Amino acid sequence: MKKNLLGILILGLTFVNIVISGFTLFTVMTTNQKTAKVVSDVANAISIDLGTGSSEGEVAEAVPIEDIETYSIPDKMTVALKPSAGDDEAHFCMVTVFFSINTKHKDYKKYGATISDKENLFRSIINDVICQYTVEDARVSQDEMKKEILKKVQEKYSGSDFIFDVSFSDIVFQ
């Protein structure tokens, strides 16, 4: 009889343990889901990509690598920068600029073949944008400069975004 009573007691305690574990699991899961939603909302509010969505550069990521062609301005450009406040010294930026082009874009056939003919236009746009920055601002605002150059180049092509990215290489400030 003692063995039977002890077995019933163990079975009852096991059942209670399963019920408490199930209750804990469900309460933790709902709390975890709410926490994940709050973290996701905060990340979206401050524009942080958590790896599941997309943020800035979405167009560049959407173009497969085999559909990307690059056009580089052949020579390194030297651009005079805006004078810094209280600094009498002249500052320059030496940069090589290249553009990423989507070869599958509908406007590529229309504009892509003549892109090298527009090199002087690109140089003018790059010069106009970069010369607006002081040496201090240019060092920290390279992404802004790229965005502005891209925006002006796309405006020249009637708003077409077949050129979807601007990149700098070998950038040096003096």
Protein backbone atom coordinates (compact mmCIF):
# COMPACT_ATOMS: atom_id res chain seq x y z
CA MET A 1 0.00 0.00 0.00
CA LYS A 2 2.87 2.41 0.80
CA LYS A 3 4.43 1.79 -2.61
CA ASN A 4 1.11 2.42 -4.33
CA LEU A 5 0.52 5.62 -2.36
CA LEU A 6 4.07 6.79 -3.09
CA GLY A 7 3.56 6.14 -6.84
CA ILE A 8 0.31 8.14 -6.84
CA LEU A 9 2.04 10.99 -5.00
CA ILE A 10 4.90 11.01 -7.56
CA LEU A 11 2.39 10.91 -10.45
CA GLY A 12 0.46 13.83 -8.93
CA LEU A 13 3.60 15.91 -8.42
CA THR A 14 4.71 15.15 -11.99
CA PHE A 15 1.35 16.34 -13.29
CA VAL A 16 1.60 19.55 -11.20
CA ASN A 17 5.16 20.08 -12.53
CA ILE A 18 3.94 19.72 -16.14
CA VAL A 19 1.11 22.20 -15.54
CA ILE A 20 3.44 24.77 -13.93
CA SER A 21 6.03 24.31 -16.71
CA GLY A 22 3.35 24.81 -19.39
CA PHE A 23 2.05 27.93 -17.66
CA THR A 24 5.59 29.33 -17.36
CA LEU A 25 6.32 28.54 -21.02
CA PHE A 26 3.25 30.40 -22.27
CA THR A 27 3.80 33.45 -20.10
CA VAL A 28 7.48 33.68 -21.08
CA MET A 29 6.66 33.23 -24.79
CA THR A 30 4.13 36.06 -24.85
CA THR A 31 6.50 38.33 -22.92
CA ASN A 32 9.33 37.40 -25.30
CA GLN A 33 7.14 38.20 -28.34
CA LYS A 34 6.18 41.58 -26.86
CA THR A 35 9.84 42.37 -26.10
CA ALA A 36 10.89 41.41 -29.64
CA LYS A 37 8.19 43.68 -31.07
CA VAL A 38 9.33 46.62 -28.91
CA VAL A 39 12.99 46.09 -29.92
CA SER A 40 11.96 45.88 -33.58
CA ASP A 41 9.90 49.09 -33.32
CA VAL A 42 12.77 50.95 -31.64
CA ALA A 43 15.23 49.69 -34.26
CA ASN A 44 12.92 50.84 -37.06
CA ALA A 45 12.53 54.23 -35.38
CA ILE A 46 16.28 54.80 -35.36
CA SER A 47 16.81 53.08 -38.74
CA ILE A 48 18.92 50.13 -37.65
CA ASP A 49 18.86 47.09 -39.86
CA LEU A 50 18.51 43.93 -37.76
CA GLY A 51 19.26 41.68 -40.73
CA THR A 52 15.64 40.86 -41.60
CA GLY A 53 14.57 44.07 -43.28
CA SER A 54 16.36 46.61 -45.34
CA SER A 55 17.56 50.10 -44.74
CA GLU A 56 19.68 52.52 -46.72
CA GLY A 57 21.26 50.95 -49.78
CA GLU A 58 18.15 48.93 -50.52
CA VAL A 59 18.44 49.49 -54.28
CA ALA A 60 22.09 48.47 -54.32
CA GLU A 61 21.25 45.23 -52.51
CA ALA A 62 18.35 44.53 -54.85
CA VAL A 63 20.58 44.52 -57.94
CA PRO A 64 22.34 41.17 -58.40
CA ILE A 65 26.11 41.40 -58.76
CA GLU A 66 26.04 40.04 -62.31
CA ASP A 67 23.80 42.96 -63.36
CA ILE A 68 26.13 45.65 -61.98
CA GLU A 69 28.56 47.50 -64.22
CA THR A 70 30.86 50.17 -62.84
CA TYR A 71 32.06 53.31 -64.56
CA SER A 72 35.09 54.96 -63.03
CA ILE A 73 36.26 58.49 -63.70
CA PRO A 74 39.65 57.60 -65.22
CA ASP A 75 41.89 60.05 -63.38
CA LYS A 76 42.04 61.01 -59.74
CA MET A 77 40.24 64.31 -59.24
CA THR A 78 41.66 67.13 -57.15
CA VAL A 79 39.00 69.43 -55.73
CA ALA A 80 39.61 72.61 -53.74
CA LEU A 81 37.63 72.55 -50.52
CA LYS A 82 35.82 75.46 -48.89
CA PRO A 83 38.07 77.33 -46.42
CA SER A 84 37.62 76.43 -42.77
CA ALA A 85 36.65 79.13 -40.31
CA GLY A 86 39.79 80.77 -38.92
CA ASP A 87 42.09 78.79 -41.21
CA ASP A 88 44.02 80.62 -43.93
CA GLU A 89 45.43 77.43 -45.42
CA ALA A 90 44.04 75.99 -48.67
CA HIS A 91 42.67 72.44 -48.44
CA PHE A 92 42.12 69.90 -51.20
CA CYS A 93 40.46 66.56 -51.70
CA MET A 94 41.94 63.98 -54.06
CA VAL A 95 39.46 61.26 -54.96
CA THR A 96 38.68 58.59 -57.50
CA VAL A 97 34.94 58.29 -58.10
CA PHE A 98 33.05 55.44 -59.67
CA PHE A 99 29.40 54.83 -60.40
CA SER A 100 27.46 51.57 -60.11
CA ILE A 101 25.08 50.98 -63.01
CA ASN A 102 22.22 48.49 -63.27
CA THR A 103 22.60 46.83 -66.70
CA LYS A 104 19.08 45.34 -66.50
CA HIS A 105 17.40 48.71 -65.91
CA LYS A 106 15.02 49.86 -68.64
CA ASP A 107 17.03 53.07 -69.20
CA TYR A 108 20.40 51.33 -69.52
CA LYS A 109 20.05 50.81 -73.29
CA LYS A 110 19.05 54.45 -73.71
CA TYR A 111 21.80 56.03 -71.57
CA GLY A 112 24.38 53.33 -70.82
CA ALA A 113 26.22 53.38 -74.13
CA THR A 114 26.99 57.10 -73.90
CA ILE A 115 27.95 57.27 -70.25
CA SER A 116 31.66 57.73 -71.01
CA ASP A 117 30.77 60.74 -73.19
CA LYS A 118 29.33 62.45 -70.10
CA GLU A 119 32.57 62.29 -68.09
CA ASN A 120 33.02 66.07 -68.04
CA LEU A 121 29.47 66.48 -66.78
CA PHE A 122 30.18 63.99 -63.97
CA ARG A 123 33.41 65.78 -63.11
CA SER A 124 31.53 69.09 -62.89
CA ILE A 125 28.87 67.62 -60.60
CA ILE A 126 31.50 65.99 -58.36
CA ASN A 127 33.47 69.23 -58.18
CA ASP A 128 30.35 71.31 -57.40
CA VAL A 129 29.32 69.01 -54.56
CA ILE A 130 32.70 68.41 -52.91
CA CYS A 131 33.84 72.07 -53.03
CA GLN A 132 30.91 73.02 -50.76
CA TYR A 133 32.52 71.19 -47.81
CA THR A 134 35.33 72.24 -45.49
CA VAL A 135 38.08 69.69 -44.88
CA GLU A 136 36.60 68.78 -41.49
CA ASP A 137 33.09 68.39 -42.88
CA ALA A 138 34.28 66.42 -45.90
CA ARG A 139 36.05 63.87 -43.72
CA VAL A 140 32.89 63.07 -41.74
CA SER A 141 30.29 63.68 -44.47
CA GLN A 142 31.44 61.36 -47.24
CA ASP A 143 28.10 59.54 -47.32
CA GLU A 144 26.26 62.84 -47.69
CA MET A 145 28.55 63.85 -50.55
CA LYS A 146 27.90 60.52 -52.30
CA LYS A 147 24.13 60.90 -51.90
CA GLU A 148 24.18 64.44 -53.27
CA ILE A 149 26.36 63.48 -56.24
CA LEU A 150 24.05 60.54 -56.99
CA LYS A 151 20.97 62.75 -56.73
CA LYS A 152 22.39 65.34 -59.14
CA VAL A 153 23.56 62.69 -61.63
CA GLN A 154 20.13 61.05 -61.58
CA GLU A 155 18.51 64.46 -62.15
CA LYS A 156 20.66 64.90 -65.28
CA TYR A 157 19.28 61.60 -66.55
CA SER A 158 15.66 62.76 -66.14
CA GLY A 159 15.33 61.15 -62.72
CA SER A 160 16.34 57.69 -63.93
CA ASP A 161 17.98 55.49 -61.31
CA PHE A 162 19.91 53.19 -63.64
CA ILE A 163 22.97 54.70 -61.92
CA PHE A 164 22.15 53.61 -58.38
CA ASP A 165 25.31 54.15 -56.36
CA VAL A 166 28.34 56.44 -56.12
CA SER A 167 31.54 55.27 -54.43
CA PHE A 168 34.83 56.88 -53.55
CA SER A 169 38.16 55.13 -53.63
CA ASP A 170 41.57 56.48 -52.77
CA ILE A 171 40.14 59.55 -51.06
CA VAL A 172 42.75 61.83 -49.46
CA PHE A 173 42.31 65.17 -47.74
CA GLN A 174 45.03 67.79 -47.40
